Amino acid sequence: MAPATLTGLAPLVSPATRVLILGSFPGVRSLQAQQYYGHPHNQFWKIVHAIWPPDAHASSASASYENRCNWLLERGVGVWDVYARCEREGSLDSAIRNAVPNDIAALHLPQLQAIAHNGGESFKHARHTRTLGVPVYQLPSTSPANASWSFERKLAAWREVMERHINPLE
């Protein structure tokens, strides 16, 4: 029996998006919660909060998902995935089959300055995102499956790219 076809999340972007972070496809926990980076051990929210320390309304421990998303959008950061749909059992990128890509160019982001791929599976699509005419980066995956990189090493790589395109005080 083939795995069910899964559908990803809607893009989290605004006309002010300057950096678009592209993951591969939401994991099981993220799909269940209908939230980007919804697994409690995924370091995405911890990393972006370390780059731009949030005020009390957007802290990772107390903020609603909606508040965290709005906080991220206010910084000019958008989030989406390279795959719109796929077949997969579990959450590992290596289990993705029959993936259908999202149309990144259709987002029409007038302020876009860079695309940052969150991990290797997403970065496999860099040849398509390079056609948008902005710098494209491969960042270390924030997934708990990427245990070979320490939090500090991931943070340094993410901070370097984000600070090239977004003021850290924003």
N, C-alpha and C. Protein backbone atom coordinates (compact mmCIF):
# COMPACT_ATOMS: atom_id res chain seq x y z
N MET A 1 0.84 -1.18 0.00
CA MET A 1 0.00 0.00 0.00
C MET A 1 0.88 1.24 0.00
N ALA A 2 0.65 2.13 -0.94
CA ALA A 2 1.43 3.35 -1.06
C ALA A 2 1.05 4.34 0.04
N PRO A 3 2.02 5.14 0.47
CA PRO A 3 1.69 6.17 1.47
C PRO A 3 0.68 7.17 0.90
N ALA A 4 -0.06 7.80 1.77
CA ALA A 4 -1.03 8.80 1.35
C ALA A 4 -0.31 10.02 0.79
N THR A 5 -0.97 10.72 -0.12
CA THR A 5 -0.44 11.98 -0.62
C THR A 5 -0.74 13.06 0.41
N LEU A 6 0.30 13.76 0.81
CA LEU A 6 0.19 14.82 1.81
C LEU A 6 0.26 16.17 1.13
N THR A 7 -0.44 17.15 1.68
CA THR A 7 -0.41 18.51 1.17
C THR A 7 0.25 19.40 2.20
N GLY A 8 1.15 20.26 1.73
CA GLY A 8 1.90 21.15 2.61
C GLY A 8 1.08 22.33 3.10
N LEU A 9 1.77 23.26 3.72
CA LEU A 9 1.16 24.45 4.31
C LEU A 9 1.18 25.62 3.33
N ALA A 10 0.29 26.56 3.53
CA ALA A 10 0.27 27.77 2.72
C ALA A 10 1.52 28.60 3.01
N PRO A 11 1.95 29.41 2.04
CA PRO A 11 3.13 30.23 2.28
C PRO A 11 2.87 31.26 3.38
N LEU A 12 3.91 31.52 4.15
CA LEU A 12 3.87 32.55 5.19
C LEU A 12 4.74 33.70 4.66
N VAL A 13 4.12 34.60 3.93
CA VAL A 13 4.84 35.70 3.29
C VAL A 13 3.99 36.96 3.33
N SER A 14 4.64 38.08 3.03
CA SER A 14 3.94 39.35 2.87
C SER A 14 4.65 40.12 1.76
N PRO A 15 4.07 41.22 1.30
CA PRO A 15 4.76 42.02 0.28
C PRO A 15 6.11 42.56 0.78
N ALA A 16 6.32 42.59 2.08
CA ALA A 16 7.57 43.09 2.66
C ALA A 16 8.62 41.99 2.87
N THR A 17 8.34 40.76 2.44
CA THR A 17 9.29 39.66 2.63
C THR A 17 10.58 39.95 1.87
N ARG A 18 11.69 39.96 2.62
CA ARG A 18 13.01 40.18 2.02
C ARG A 18 13.82 38.90 1.93
N VAL A 19 13.64 38.00 2.91
CA VAL A 19 14.32 36.71 2.89
C VAL A 19 13.25 35.63 2.97
N LEU A 20 13.27 34.73 2.00
CA LEU A 20 12.33 33.62 1.99
C LEU A 20 13.07 32.35 2.40
N ILE A 21 12.64 31.77 3.50
CA ILE A 21 13.23 30.52 3.98
C ILE A 21 12.39 29.38 3.41
N LEU A 22 13.07 28.47 2.72
CA LEU A 22 12.39 27.34 2.11
C LEU A 22 12.83 26.04 2.77
N GLY A 23 11.88 25.35 3.36
CA GLY A 23 12.13 24.01 3.85
C GLY A 23 11.82 23.03 2.74
N SER A 24 11.85 21.76 3.05
CA SER A 24 11.50 20.75 2.05
C SER A 24 9.99 20.50 2.08
N PHE A 25 9.51 19.96 3.20
CA PHE A 25 8.10 19.65 3.38
C PHE A 25 7.87 19.48 4.87
N PRO A 26 6.73 19.95 5.40
CA PRO A 26 6.49 19.86 6.85
C PRO A 26 6.51 18.42 7.35
N GLY A 27 7.06 18.24 8.53
CA GLY A 27 7.04 16.94 9.18
C GLY A 27 5.65 16.61 9.71
N VAL A 28 5.52 15.41 10.21
CA VAL A 28 4.23 14.93 10.71
C VAL A 28 3.67 15.88 11.77
N ARG A 29 4.49 16.25 12.75
CA ARG A 29 4.00 17.11 13.84
C ARG A 29 3.57 18.48 13.32
N SER A 30 4.32 19.02 12.35
CA SER A 30 3.97 20.32 11.78
C SER A 30 2.66 20.23 11.00
N LEU A 31 2.47 19.15 10.26
CA LEU A 31 1.22 18.99 9.52
C LEU A 31 0.04 18.83 10.47
N GLN A 32 0.23 18.05 11.54
CA GLN A 32 -0.84 17.87 12.52
C GLN A 32 -1.23 19.20 13.15
N ALA A 33 -0.24 20.02 13.48
CA ALA A 33 -0.49 21.31 14.13
C ALA A 33 -0.83 22.40 13.12
N GLN A 34 -0.58 22.13 11.82
CA GLN A 34 -0.73 23.15 10.77
C GLN A 34 0.14 24.38 11.10
N GLN A 35 1.39 24.09 11.47
CA GLN A 35 2.34 25.13 11.85
C GLN A 35 3.72 24.80 11.27
N TYR A 36 4.36 25.82 10.72
CA TYR A 36 5.74 25.63 10.29
C TYR A 36 6.61 25.35 11.50
N TYR A 37 7.49 24.38 11.35
CA TYR A 37 8.46 24.01 12.38
C TYR A 37 7.77 23.74 13.72
N GLY A 38 6.73 22.91 13.65
CA GLY A 38 5.90 22.60 14.80
C GLY A 38 6.44 21.51 15.72
N HIS A 39 7.49 20.82 15.31
CA HIS A 39 8.07 19.79 16.19
C HIS A 39 8.81 20.50 17.32
N PRO A 40 8.57 20.13 18.57
CA PRO A 40 9.18 20.86 19.69
C PRO A 40 10.71 20.83 19.71
N HIS A 41 11.32 19.86 19.01
CA HIS A 41 12.78 19.79 18.99
C HIS A 41 13.40 20.44 17.76
N ASN A 42 12.56 20.93 16.84
CA ASN A 42 13.10 21.65 15.70
C ASN A 42 13.61 22.99 16.21
N GLN A 43 14.79 23.39 15.77
CA GLN A 43 15.45 24.58 16.32
C GLN A 43 15.16 25.86 15.54
N PHE A 44 14.25 25.82 14.57
CA PHE A 44 13.97 27.00 13.75
C PHE A 44 13.60 28.22 14.61
N TRP A 45 12.57 28.09 15.44
CA TRP A 45 12.10 29.25 16.21
C TRP A 45 13.16 29.70 17.22
N LYS A 46 13.88 28.77 17.78
CA LYS A 46 14.95 29.12 18.71
C LYS A 46 16.06 29.91 18.00
N ILE A 47 16.38 29.51 16.78
CA ILE A 47 17.43 30.20 16.01
C ILE A 47 16.98 31.61 15.64
N VAL A 48 15.78 31.76 15.08
CA VAL A 48 15.36 33.11 14.68
C VAL A 48 15.19 34.02 15.89
N HIS A 49 14.79 33.46 17.03
CA HIS A 49 14.69 34.28 18.24
C HIS A 49 16.07 34.66 18.78
N ALA A 50 17.07 33.84 18.53
CA ALA A 50 18.44 34.20 18.93
C ALA A 50 19.00 35.29 18.03
N ILE A 51 18.60 35.30 16.76
CA ILE A 51 19.07 36.34 15.83
C ILE A 51 18.38 37.66 16.14
N TRP A 52 17.09 37.63 16.34
CA TRP A 52 16.29 38.82 16.64
C TRP A 52 15.55 38.56 17.95
N PRO A 53 16.15 38.87 19.07
CA PRO A 53 15.45 38.58 20.34
C PRO A 53 14.06 39.24 20.36
N PRO A 54 13.05 38.42 20.60
CA PRO A 54 11.68 38.94 20.56
C PRO A 54 11.31 39.68 21.83
N ASP A 55 10.28 40.51 21.69
CA ASP A 55 9.72 41.12 22.88
C ASP A 55 8.83 40.07 23.57
N ALA A 56 8.24 40.42 24.65
CA ALA A 56 7.45 39.47 25.45
C ALA A 56 6.28 38.87 24.66
N HIS A 57 5.77 39.60 23.67
CA HIS A 57 4.61 39.12 22.92
C HIS A 57 4.96 38.04 21.91
N ALA A 58 6.24 37.90 21.56
CA ALA A 58 6.61 36.94 20.53
C ALA A 58 7.56 35.87 21.03
N SER A 59 7.79 35.79 22.32
CA SER A 59 8.74 34.79 22.82
C SER A 59 8.23 33.40 22.53
N SER A 60 9.14 32.50 22.26
CA SER A 60 8.76 31.16 21.83
C SER A 60 7.96 30.41 22.89
N ALA A 61 8.20 30.69 24.15
CA ALA A 61 7.52 29.95 25.21
C ALA A 61 6.08 30.41 25.41
N SER A 62 5.81 31.70 25.20
CA SER A 62 4.48 32.20 25.55
C SER A 62 3.64 32.65 24.36
N ALA A 63 4.23 32.83 23.20
CA ALA A 63 3.48 33.39 22.08
C ALA A 63 2.66 32.33 21.36
N SER A 64 1.54 32.78 20.86
CA SER A 64 0.76 31.89 20.00
C SER A 64 1.51 31.77 18.68
N TYR A 65 1.18 30.74 17.94
CA TYR A 65 1.80 30.55 16.62
C TYR A 65 1.53 31.78 15.75
N GLU A 66 0.31 32.30 15.79
CA GLU A 66 -0.04 33.48 15.00
C GLU A 66 0.86 34.66 15.36
N ASN A 67 1.11 34.88 16.64
CA ASN A 67 1.98 35.98 17.05
C ASN A 67 3.41 35.77 16.58
N ARG A 68 3.90 34.53 16.67
CA ARG A 68 5.26 34.24 16.19
C ARG A 68 5.36 34.48 14.69
N CYS A 69 4.35 34.08 13.94
CA CYS A 69 4.35 34.30 12.49
C CYS A 69 4.34 35.79 12.16
N ASN A 70 3.49 36.54 12.83
CA ASN A 70 3.44 37.99 12.59
C ASN A 70 4.76 38.64 12.94
N TRP A 71 5.37 38.22 14.04
CA TRP A 71 6.68 38.73 14.46
C TRP A 71 7.72 38.46 13.38
N LEU A 72 7.71 37.26 12.81
CA LEU A 72 8.66 36.90 11.76
C LEU A 72 8.42 37.75 10.51
N LEU A 73 7.16 37.89 10.11
CA LEU A 73 6.83 38.70 8.93
C LEU A 73 7.24 40.15 9.12
N GLU A 74 7.10 40.67 10.34
CA GLU A 74 7.52 42.05 10.62
C GLU A 74 9.01 42.25 10.40
N ARG A 75 9.79 41.20 10.50
CA ARG A 75 11.23 41.27 10.27
C ARG A 75 11.59 41.09 8.80
N GLY A 76 10.61 40.85 7.96
CA GLY A 76 10.87 40.67 6.54
C GLY A 76 11.22 39.25 6.16
N VAL A 77 10.87 38.29 7.01
CA VAL A 77 11.19 36.89 6.76
C VAL A 77 9.91 36.13 6.42
N GLY A 78 9.96 35.39 5.33
CA GLY A 78 8.85 34.53 4.93
C GLY A 78 9.28 33.07 4.99
N VAL A 79 8.31 32.18 5.01
CA VAL A 79 8.57 30.74 5.11
C VAL A 79 7.64 30.00 4.15
N TRP A 80 8.21 29.03 3.47
CA TRP A 80 7.42 28.13 2.64
C TRP A 80 8.25 26.87 2.44
N ASP A 81 7.79 25.98 1.61
CA ASP A 81 8.50 24.74 1.32
C ASP A 81 8.66 24.57 -0.17
N VAL A 82 9.65 23.81 -0.57
CA VAL A 82 9.85 23.57 -2.00
C VAL A 82 8.80 22.61 -2.56
N TYR A 83 8.24 21.75 -1.69
CA TYR A 83 7.23 20.80 -2.16
C TYR A 83 5.84 21.21 -1.71
N ALA A 84 4.90 21.17 -2.64
CA ALA A 84 3.50 21.43 -2.34
C ALA A 84 2.80 20.18 -1.83
N ARG A 85 3.15 19.04 -2.46
CA ARG A 85 2.56 17.76 -2.11
C ARG A 85 3.61 16.67 -2.29
N CYS A 86 3.43 15.61 -1.56
CA CYS A 86 4.31 14.46 -1.73
C CYS A 86 3.69 13.25 -1.04
N GLU A 87 4.28 12.11 -1.30
CA GLU A 87 3.96 10.90 -0.54
C GLU A 87 5.11 10.70 0.43
N ARG A 88 4.77 10.36 1.67
CA ARG A 88 5.82 10.14 2.66
C ARG A 88 5.24 9.45 3.87
N GLU A 89 5.98 8.49 4.40
CA GLU A 89 5.67 7.90 5.70
C GLU A 89 6.68 8.47 6.67
N GLY A 90 6.21 8.98 7.80
CA GLY A 90 7.10 9.60 8.77
C GLY A 90 7.45 11.01 8.37
N SER A 91 8.58 11.51 8.88
CA SER A 91 8.95 12.90 8.66
C SER A 91 10.27 13.10 7.94
N LEU A 92 11.00 12.04 7.66
CA LEU A 92 12.33 12.19 7.08
C LEU A 92 12.27 12.60 5.61
N ASP A 93 13.13 13.53 5.23
CA ASP A 93 13.22 13.93 3.83
C ASP A 93 13.53 12.76 2.92
N SER A 94 14.32 11.82 3.40
CA SER A 94 14.70 10.68 2.58
C SER A 94 13.51 9.79 2.21
N ALA A 95 12.39 9.96 2.91
CA ALA A 95 11.19 9.16 2.63
C ALA A 95 10.23 9.85 1.66
N ILE A 96 10.56 11.07 1.22
CA ILE A 96 9.69 11.80 0.29
C ILE A 96 9.70 11.12 -1.07
N ARG A 97 8.50 10.90 -1.61
CA ARG A 97 8.33 10.29 -2.93
C ARG A 97 7.30 11.09 -3.71
N ASN A 98 7.44 11.07 -5.03
CA ASN A 98 6.46 11.68 -5.94
C ASN A 98 6.11 13.11 -5.53
N ALA A 99 7.13 13.90 -5.26
CA ALA A 99 6.92 15.27 -4.82
C ALA A 99 6.52 16.18 -5.97
N VAL A 100 5.63 17.10 -5.66
CA VAL A 100 5.18 18.13 -6.60
C VAL A 100 5.70 19.46 -6.06
N PRO A 101 6.53 20.17 -6.82
CA PRO A 101 7.11 21.41 -6.30
C PRO A 101 6.10 22.56 -6.23
N ASN A 102 6.35 23.45 -5.28
CA ASN A 102 5.61 24.70 -5.22
C ASN A 102 6.14 25.64 -6.30
N ASP A 103 5.31 26.57 -6.73
CA ASP A 103 5.71 27.59 -7.71
C ASP A 103 6.20 28.82 -6.94
N ILE A 104 7.47 28.81 -6.61
CA ILE A 104 8.05 29.88 -5.79
C ILE A 104 7.92 31.23 -6.50
N ALA A 105 8.16 31.26 -7.80
CA ALA A 105 8.10 32.51 -8.56
C ALA A 105 6.71 33.14 -8.52
N ALA A 106 5.68 32.32 -8.36
CA ALA A 106 4.31 32.84 -8.35
C ALA A 106 4.00 33.68 -7.11
N LEU A 107 4.88 33.66 -6.12
CA LEU A 107 4.65 34.45 -4.91
C LEU A 107 4.72 35.95 -5.18
N HIS A 108 5.48 36.36 -6.19
CA HIS A 108 5.61 37.79 -6.54
C HIS A 108 5.96 38.63 -5.31
N LEU A 109 7.16 38.43 -4.81
CA LEU A 109 7.63 39.15 -3.62
C LEU A 109 8.49 40.33 -4.06
N PRO A 110 7.93 41.55 -4.09
CA PRO A 110 8.65 42.70 -4.66
C PRO A 110 9.90 43.12 -3.88
N GLN A 111 9.99 42.79 -2.60
CA GLN A 111 11.14 43.18 -1.78
C GLN A 111 12.16 42.06 -1.60
N LEU A 112 11.95 40.93 -2.25
CA LEU A 112 12.79 39.76 -2.04
C LEU A 112 14.26 40.07 -2.34
N GLN A 113 15.13 39.76 -1.36
CA GLN A 113 16.57 39.98 -1.50
C GLN A 113 17.36 38.67 -1.47
N ALA A 114 16.79 37.61 -0.92
CA ALA A 114 17.53 36.35 -0.81
C ALA A 114 16.57 35.20 -0.53
N ILE A 115 17.03 34.01 -0.92
CA ILE A 115 16.34 32.77 -0.59
C ILE A 115 17.30 31.93 0.23
N ALA A 116 16.83 31.40 1.34
CA ALA A 116 17.65 30.56 2.21
C ALA A 116 16.98 29.19 2.32
N HIS A 117 17.66 28.18 1.84
CA HIS A 117 17.15 26.82 1.91
C HIS A 117 17.52 26.21 3.26
N ASN A 118 16.50 25.74 3.97
CA ASN A 118 16.69 25.12 5.28
C ASN A 118 17.00 23.64 5.08
N GLY A 119 18.26 23.33 4.80
CA GLY A 119 18.68 21.95 4.66
C GLY A 119 18.93 21.52 3.23
N GLY A 120 19.49 20.33 3.11
CA GLY A 120 19.94 19.80 1.83
C GLY A 120 18.84 19.41 0.87
N GLU A 121 17.76 18.82 1.35
CA GLU A 121 16.67 18.42 0.45
C GLU A 121 16.07 19.65 -0.21
N SER A 122 15.84 20.69 0.55
CA SER A 122 15.34 21.93 -0.02
C SER A 122 16.32 22.51 -1.04
N PHE A 123 17.61 22.48 -0.70
CA PHE A 123 18.64 23.07 -1.56
C PHE A 123 18.77 22.35 -2.90
N LYS A 124 18.28 21.12 -2.99
CA LYS A 124 18.29 20.42 -4.28
C LYS A 124 17.53 21.22 -5.34
N HIS A 125 16.69 22.15 -4.91
CA HIS A 125 15.87 22.95 -5.83
C HIS A 125 16.46 24.33 -6.05
N ALA A 126 17.70 24.54 -5.64
CA ALA A 126 18.33 25.86 -5.77
C ALA A 126 18.42 26.29 -7.23
N ARG A 127 18.57 25.36 -8.14
CA ARG A 127 18.66 25.74 -9.56
C ARG A 127 17.39 26.44 -10.01
N HIS A 128 16.26 26.08 -9.42
CA HIS A 128 15.00 26.73 -9.78
C HIS A 128 14.87 28.08 -9.07
N THR A 129 15.30 28.16 -7.83
CA THR A 129 15.15 29.42 -7.10
C THR A 129 16.17 30.46 -7.57
N ARG A 130 17.29 30.00 -8.15
CA ARG A 130 18.28 30.96 -8.67
C ARG A 130 17.71 31.77 -9.83
N THR A 131 16.69 31.26 -10.50
CA THR A 131 16.10 31.99 -11.62
C THR A 131 15.37 33.25 -11.17
N LEU A 132 15.18 33.42 -9.86
CA LEU A 132 14.50 34.60 -9.35
C LEU A 132 15.44 35.80 -9.25
N GLY A 133 16.73 35.60 -9.50
CA GLY A 133 17.67 36.71 -9.55
C GLY A 133 18.13 37.26 -8.21
N VAL A 134 18.02 36.48 -7.16
CA VAL A 134 18.50 36.91 -5.84
C VAL A 134 19.49 35.86 -5.33
N PRO A 135 20.34 36.23 -4.38
CA PRO A 135 21.25 35.24 -3.82
C PRO A 135 20.48 34.07 -3.20
N VAL A 136 21.05 32.88 -3.35
CA VAL A 136 20.45 31.66 -2.82
C VAL A 136 21.48 31.00 -1.91
N TYR A 137 21.04 30.62 -0.71
CA TYR A 137 21.94 30.05 0.29
C TYR A 137 21.44 28.69 0.74
N GLN A 138 22.38 27.82 1.11
CA GLN A 138 22.02 26.57 1.78
C GLN A 138 22.40 26.73 3.24
N LEU A 139 21.41 26.64 4.11
CA LEU A 139 21.64 26.71 5.55
C LEU A 139 21.53 25.31 6.14
N PRO A 140 22.19 25.09 7.28
CA PRO A 140 22.04 23.79 7.93
C PRO A 140 20.61 23.60 8.41
N SER A 141 20.11 22.40 8.23
CA SER A 141 18.74 22.10 8.64
C SER A 141 18.56 22.31 10.13
N THR A 142 17.41 22.88 10.48
CA THR A 142 17.05 23.07 11.89
C THR A 142 16.36 21.84 12.46
N SER A 143 16.17 20.83 11.65
CA SER A 143 15.49 19.60 12.06
C SER A 143 16.25 18.89 13.17
N PRO A 144 15.52 18.22 14.06
CA PRO A 144 16.20 17.40 15.07
C PRO A 144 17.00 16.26 14.45
N ALA A 145 16.70 15.90 13.20
CA ALA A 145 17.46 14.85 12.52
C ALA A 145 18.88 15.31 12.17
N ASN A 146 19.11 16.62 12.16
CA ASN A 146 20.44 17.16 11.85
C ASN A 146 21.22 17.35 13.15
N ALA A 147 21.57 16.25 13.79
CA ALA A 147 22.26 16.30 15.08
C ALA A 147 23.76 16.48 14.92
N SER A 148 24.28 16.42 13.70
CA SER A 148 25.72 16.56 13.51
C SER A 148 26.19 18.01 13.66
N TRP A 149 25.26 18.95 13.59
CA TRP A 149 25.59 20.37 13.79
C TRP A 149 25.10 20.79 15.17
N SER A 150 25.94 21.44 15.93
CA SER A 150 25.53 21.97 17.23
C SER A 150 24.60 23.17 17.00
N PHE A 151 23.84 23.51 18.02
CA PHE A 151 22.98 24.69 17.93
C PHE A 151 23.82 25.92 17.61
N GLU A 152 24.95 26.08 18.27
CA GLU A 152 25.79 27.27 18.08
C GLU A 152 26.30 27.36 16.65
N ARG A 153 26.66 26.24 16.07
CA ARG A 153 27.15 26.23 14.69
C ARG A 153 26.02 26.57 13.71
N LYS A 154 24.83 26.00 13.94
CA LYS A 154 23.68 26.34 13.11
C LYS A 154 23.36 27.83 13.22
N LEU A 155 23.33 28.32 14.45
CA LEU A 155 23.01 29.73 14.68
C LEU A 155 23.99 30.64 13.95
N ALA A 156 25.27 30.35 14.00
CA ALA A 156 26.27 31.19 13.33
C ALA A 156 26.02 31.24 11.83
N ALA A 157 25.72 30.09 11.23
CA ALA A 157 25.46 30.04 9.78
C ALA A 157 24.20 30.82 9.43
N TRP A 158 23.14 30.62 10.19
CA TRP A 158 21.89 31.33 9.95
C TRP A 158 22.06 32.84 10.17
N ARG A 159 22.75 33.22 11.24
CA ARG A 159 22.94 34.65 11.55
C ARG A 159 23.69 35.34 10.41
N GLU A 160 24.72 34.70 9.90
CA GLU A 160 25.52 35.30 8.83
C GLU A 160 24.66 35.65 7.62
N VAL A 161 23.82 34.72 7.19
CA VAL A 161 22.97 34.95 6.03
C VAL A 161 21.89 35.99 6.34
N MET A 162 21.22 35.87 7.46
CA MET A 162 20.13 36.80 7.79
C MET A 162 20.65 38.23 7.93
N GLU A 163 21.79 38.40 8.56
CA GLU A 163 22.30 39.76 8.78
C GLU A 163 22.82 40.39 7.50
N ARG A 164 23.07 39.63 6.47
CA ARG A 164 23.44 40.20 5.16
C ARG A 164 22.26 40.94 4.54
N HIS A 165 21.03 40.51 4.89
CA HIS A 165 19.85 41.01 4.20
C HIS A 165 18.84 41.71 5.10
N ILE A 166 18.97 41.51 6.40
CA ILE A 166 18.01 42.12 7.33
C ILE A 166 18.78 42.68 8.52
N ASN A 167 18.48 43.90 8.88
CA ASN A 167 19.11 44.55 10.03
C ASN A 167 18.79 43.76 11.29
N PRO A 168 19.83 43.35 12.05
CA PRO A 168 19.57 42.53 13.25
C PRO A 168 18.79 43.27 14.34
N LEU A 169 18.69 44.59 14.24
CA LEU A 169 17.97 45.35 15.26
C LEU A 169 16.49 45.51 14.91
N GLU A 170 16.09 45.03 13.77
CA GLU A 170 14.69 45.18 13.36
C GLU A 170 13.80 44.23 14.12
